[in-house]
């Protein structure tokens, strides 16, 4: 899995997610961080991944989304 966000200093949902060499569609990535004073290391404060499915999935209370995906 490769997560790329060129502008990680601000919240912009401009990143991409690649799995197994293929870009994952309908997934938006936002990595937020800073460069410390050394300019070499990076400090990441959060990684958000937003998946917008083309289908509706209903997850019961106490259930898991992964259980619903196996059925589909």
Protein backbone atom coordinates (compact mmCIF):
# COMPACT_ATOMS: atom_id res chain seq x y z
CA UNK A 1 0.00 0.00 0.00
CA UNK A 2 1.34 3.42 -0.97
CA UNK A 3 -0.18 6.65 0.33
CA UNK A 4 0.91 9.86 -1.41
CA UNK A 5 -0.12 13.39 -0.45
CA UNK A 6 2.09 16.08 -1.95
CA UNK A 7 0.61 18.93 0.13
CA UNK A 8 0.53 17.41 3.60
CA UNK A 9 0.84 20.71 5.44
CA UNK A 10 -2.86 21.47 4.92
CA UNK A 11 -6.14 19.53 4.87
CA UNK A 12 -7.02 19.16 1.19
CA UNK A 13 -7.93 15.51 0.42
CA UNK A 14 -5.55 15.61 -2.55
CA UNK A 15 -3.71 12.37 -1.83
CA UNK A 16 -3.89 9.01 -3.57
CA UNK A 17 -3.92 5.39 -2.43
CA UNK A 18 -2.20 2.67 -4.46
CA UNK A 19 -2.50 -1.02 -3.61
CA UNK A 20 -0.60 -3.69 -5.53
CA UNK A 21 0.47 -1.18 -8.18
CA UNK A 22 -3.08 -0.03 -8.92
CA UNK A 23 -4.63 3.29 -7.91
CA UNK A 24 -7.75 2.74 -5.80
CA UNK A 25 -10.71 4.69 -7.16
CA UNK A 26 -13.23 6.51 -4.96
CA UNK A 27 -10.66 6.82 -2.16
CA UNK A 28 -9.48 10.21 -0.95
CA UNK A 29 -6.40 10.58 1.24
CA UNK A 30 -5.25 13.39 3.50
CA UNK A 31 -1.93 13.27 5.32
CA UNK A 32 -1.29 16.19 7.69
CA UNK A 33 2.15 16.88 9.09
CA UNK A 34 5.05 19.29 9.42
CA UNK A 35 8.76 19.52 8.71
CA UNK A 36 10.69 20.03 11.96
CA UNK A 37 13.43 22.65 11.98
CA UNK A 38 16.02 20.19 10.60
CA UNK A 39 14.07 19.95 7.33
CA UNK A 40 15.01 16.28 6.93
CA UNK A 41 12.53 14.43 9.14
CA UNK A 42 8.78 14.67 8.83
CA UNK A 43 6.30 14.74 11.70
CA UNK A 44 2.92 13.24 10.71
CA UNK A 45 -0.01 14.19 12.93
CA UNK A 46 -2.74 12.23 11.12
CA UNK A 47 -3.59 10.13 8.09
CA UNK A 48 -7.22 10.15 6.97
CA UNK A 49 -8.60 7.86 4.28
CA UNK A 50 -12.13 8.45 2.96
CA UNK A 51 -13.68 5.68 0.85
CA UNK A 52 -16.82 6.59 -1.07
CA UNK A 53 -18.47 3.35 -2.14
CA UNK A 54 -20.69 3.06 -5.19
CA UNK A 55 -22.96 0.71 -3.24
CA UNK A 56 -24.91 1.05 -0.01
CA UNK A 57 -23.75 -1.21 2.80
CA UNK A 58 -25.78 -1.64 5.95
CA UNK A 59 -23.85 -2.70 9.02
CA UNK A 60 -25.89 -3.95 11.97
CA UNK A 61 -25.14 -2.85 15.52
CA UNK A 62 -22.18 -4.90 16.70
CA UNK A 63 -21.44 -5.99 13.11
CA UNK A 64 -18.45 -5.25 10.89
CA UNK A 65 -18.22 -3.70 7.43
CA UNK A 66 -15.78 -6.44 6.40
CA UNK A 67 -18.51 -9.06 6.97
CA UNK A 68 -20.79 -7.23 4.53
CA UNK A 69 -18.04 -6.95 1.89
CA UNK A 70 -17.42 -10.72 1.95
CA UNK A 71 -21.08 -11.34 1.08
CA UNK A 72 -20.92 -8.86 -1.83
